[in-house]
């Protein structure tokens, strides 16, 4: 059984481990030097400064996290050892509650993530040839919209 709660500063090291294990399992397309630069940015700038929701077990240990700005998912990562346990859906369902539209950007080469979001009902609305830092990793822009009642 997993619960959602806001992340605290005490979660930074575990959230970095979640990020690292997830990226190592799903981002084999990243150049090693790019992965190292991104890892530094995640650890030093992103995790200490952004707000996250974490999915925790009965011992209050985070197994996944979601970061967002407004209705846009900035990050959703699940520890490699916890993949397939429904944590991505749990985090998404908690986030989308009360929202009519949710957007997310995903690396096109991360086919598992693209498939995950498509199974949740996201549709591709656009594509960029490079990521936000200008690196050669195409990004898909996806959008979920709450179904309207018939």
Protein backbone atom coordinates (compact mmCIF):
# COMPACT_ATOMS: atom_id res chain seq x y z
CA UNK A 1 0.00 0.00 0.00
CA UNK A 2 1.40 3.35 -1.03
CA UNK A 3 0.29 6.81 0.02
CA UNK A 4 0.96 10.25 -1.41
CA UNK A 5 2.45 13.12 0.58
CA UNK A 6 4.39 16.32 -0.10
CA UNK A 7 8.15 15.81 -0.31
CA UNK A 8 10.36 17.26 2.41
CA UNK A 9 14.05 18.26 2.32
CA UNK A 10 14.79 14.91 3.97
CA UNK A 11 13.61 13.20 0.76
CA UNK A 12 16.19 14.81 -1.55
CA UNK A 13 18.76 12.00 -1.39
CA UNK A 14 16.11 9.30 -1.93
CA UNK A 15 14.48 11.28 -4.74
CA UNK A 16 17.86 11.56 -6.42
CA UNK A 17 18.25 7.78 -6.12
CA UNK A 18 14.76 7.37 -7.63
CA UNK A 19 15.68 9.71 -10.49
CA UNK A 20 19.05 8.04 -11.11
CA UNK A 21 17.76 4.45 -11.12
CA UNK A 22 14.83 5.40 -13.34
CA UNK A 23 17.03 7.24 -15.84
CA UNK A 24 19.57 4.41 -15.92
CA UNK A 25 16.73 1.98 -16.73
CA UNK A 26 14.92 4.08 -19.34
CA UNK A 27 17.25 6.67 -20.87
CA UNK A 28 19.87 4.54 -22.65
CA UNK A 29 19.80 7.08 -25.48
CA UNK A 30 21.51 9.76 -23.36
CA UNK A 31 25.16 10.50 -24.04
CA UNK A 32 27.20 9.80 -20.88
CA UNK A 33 28.41 13.39 -20.58
CA UNK A 34 24.84 14.70 -21.01
CA UNK A 35 23.56 12.29 -18.38
CA UNK A 36 26.27 13.47 -15.97
CA UNK A 37 25.43 17.15 -16.59
CA UNK A 38 21.70 16.49 -16.16
CA UNK A 39 22.37 14.52 -12.96
CA UNK A 40 24.30 17.46 -11.49
CA UNK A 41 21.48 19.86 -12.35
CA UNK A 42 18.86 17.52 -10.87
CA UNK A 43 20.78 17.04 -7.62
CA UNK A 44 22.04 20.59 -7.11
CA UNK A 45 19.27 22.74 -8.59
CA UNK A 46 16.04 20.88 -9.27
CA UNK A 47 15.45 18.57 -6.31
CA UNK A 48 16.35 21.13 -3.60
CA UNK A 49 14.18 23.89 -5.11
CA UNK A 50 11.05 22.36 -6.64
CA UNK A 51 7.96 20.99 -4.93
CA UNK A 52 7.15 17.31 -5.30
CA UNK A 53 4.57 14.76 -4.34
CA UNK A 54 6.10 11.45 -3.29
CA UNK A 55 4.55 7.99 -3.21
CA UNK A 56 5.67 6.37 0.04
CA UNK A 57 5.40 2.90 1.51
CA UNK A 58 4.27 1.98 5.05
CA UNK A 59 7.73 2.99 6.35
CA UNK A 60 7.39 6.46 4.77
CA UNK A 61 10.11 5.64 2.19
CA UNK A 62 9.56 7.33 -1.20
CA UNK A 63 9.39 5.03 -4.23
CA UNK A 64 8.40 7.67 -6.80
CA UNK A 65 7.87 11.40 -7.18
CA UNK A 66 5.99 13.88 -9.33
CA UNK A 67 6.89 17.53 -9.82
CA UNK A 68 4.62 20.00 -11.55
CA UNK A 69 4.07 23.62 -12.47
CA UNK A 70 0.41 24.53 -12.74
CA UNK A 71 -1.26 21.82 -14.83
CA UNK A 72 2.05 20.68 -16.38
CA UNK A 73 3.92 17.61 -15.13
CA UNK A 74 7.59 18.58 -15.00
CA UNK A 75 8.83 15.20 -13.78
CA UNK A 76 7.51 11.78 -12.85
CA UNK A 77 10.03 9.15 -11.82
CA UNK A 78 9.64 5.74 -10.20
CA UNK A 79 12.48 3.82 -8.53
CA UNK A 80 13.58 0.98 -10.81
CA UNK A 81 12.79 -1.58 -8.09
CA UNK A 82 9.21 -0.26 -7.77
CA UNK A 83 8.27 -0.11 -11.45
CA UNK A 84 5.05 -1.89 -12.36
CA UNK A 85 3.46 -1.39 -8.94
CA UNK A 86 1.01 1.29 -10.13
CA UNK A 87 2.92 4.21 -8.62
CA UNK A 88 3.00 6.26 -11.82
CA UNK A 89 -0.77 5.99 -12.12
CA UNK A 90 -1.20 6.74 -8.40
CA UNK A 91 0.90 9.91 -8.71
CA UNK A 92 -0.88 10.96 -11.92
CA UNK A 93 -4.34 10.30 -10.49
CA UNK A 94 -3.49 12.37 -7.42
CA UNK A 95 -2.20 15.19 -9.59
CA UNK A 96 -5.06 15.30 -12.09
CA UNK A 97 -7.77 15.38 -9.43
CA UNK A 98 -9.84 18.49 -10.05
CA UNK A 99 -8.07 19.33 -13.32
CA UNK A 100 -9.64 19.29 -16.77
CA UNK A 101 -6.35 19.38 -18.68
CA UNK A 102 -2.84 18.10 -17.89
CA UNK A 103 0.24 18.43 -20.10
CA UNK A 104 3.64 16.76 -20.05
CA UNK A 105 6.77 16.71 -22.20
CA UNK A 106 8.50 13.35 -22.76
CA UNK A 107 11.70 12.26 -24.47
CA UNK A 108 10.55 10.68 -27.73
CA UNK A 109 13.22 7.98 -27.33
CA UNK A 110 11.78 6.97 -23.93
CA UNK A 111 9.21 4.65 -25.51
CA UNK A 112 8.13 3.23 -22.14
CA UNK A 113 7.17 6.68 -20.86
CA UNK A 114 5.43 7.58 -24.11
CA UNK A 115 3.40 4.36 -23.87
CA UNK A 116 2.60 5.00 -20.21
CA UNK A 117 1.16 8.43 -20.92
CA UNK A 118 -0.74 7.18 -23.97
CA UNK A 119 -2.34 4.43 -21.82
CA UNK A 120 -3.47 7.17 -19.44
CA UNK A 121 -5.20 8.93 -22.33
CA UNK A 122 -2.58 11.53 -23.30
CA UNK A 123 -2.38 12.56 -26.95
CA UNK A 124 0.67 13.97 -28.75
CA UNK A 125 0.12 17.65 -29.56
CA UNK A 126 3.56 18.57 -30.85
CA UNK A 127 7.22 17.70 -31.13
CA UNK A 128 10.53 19.51 -30.67
CA UNK A 129 13.74 18.28 -32.32
CA UNK A 130 15.82 19.13 -29.23
CA UNK A 131 15.27 19.21 -25.47
CA UNK A 132 14.97 22.39 -23.38
CA UNK A 133 18.76 22.71 -23.21
CA UNK A 134 19.21 22.35 -26.98
CA UNK A 135 20.53 18.79 -26.75
CA UNK A 136 19.67 16.37 -29.59
CA UNK A 137 16.93 14.50 -27.73
CA UNK A 138 13.52 15.03 -29.38
CA UNK A 139 10.66 15.93 -27.05
CA UNK A 140 7.01 15.03 -27.49
CA UNK A 141 4.40 17.41 -26.07
CA UNK A 142 1.40 15.48 -24.72
CA UNK A 143 -1.99 16.56 -23.41
CA UNK A 144 -4.62 14.79 -21.32
CA UNK A 145 -8.16 16.14 -21.16
CA UNK A 146 -10.85 14.97 -18.78
CA UNK A 147 -13.48 13.12 -20.79
CA UNK A 148 -16.76 14.96 -21.08
CA UNK A 149 -19.91 13.28 -19.85
CA UNK A 150 -22.17 12.01 -22.65
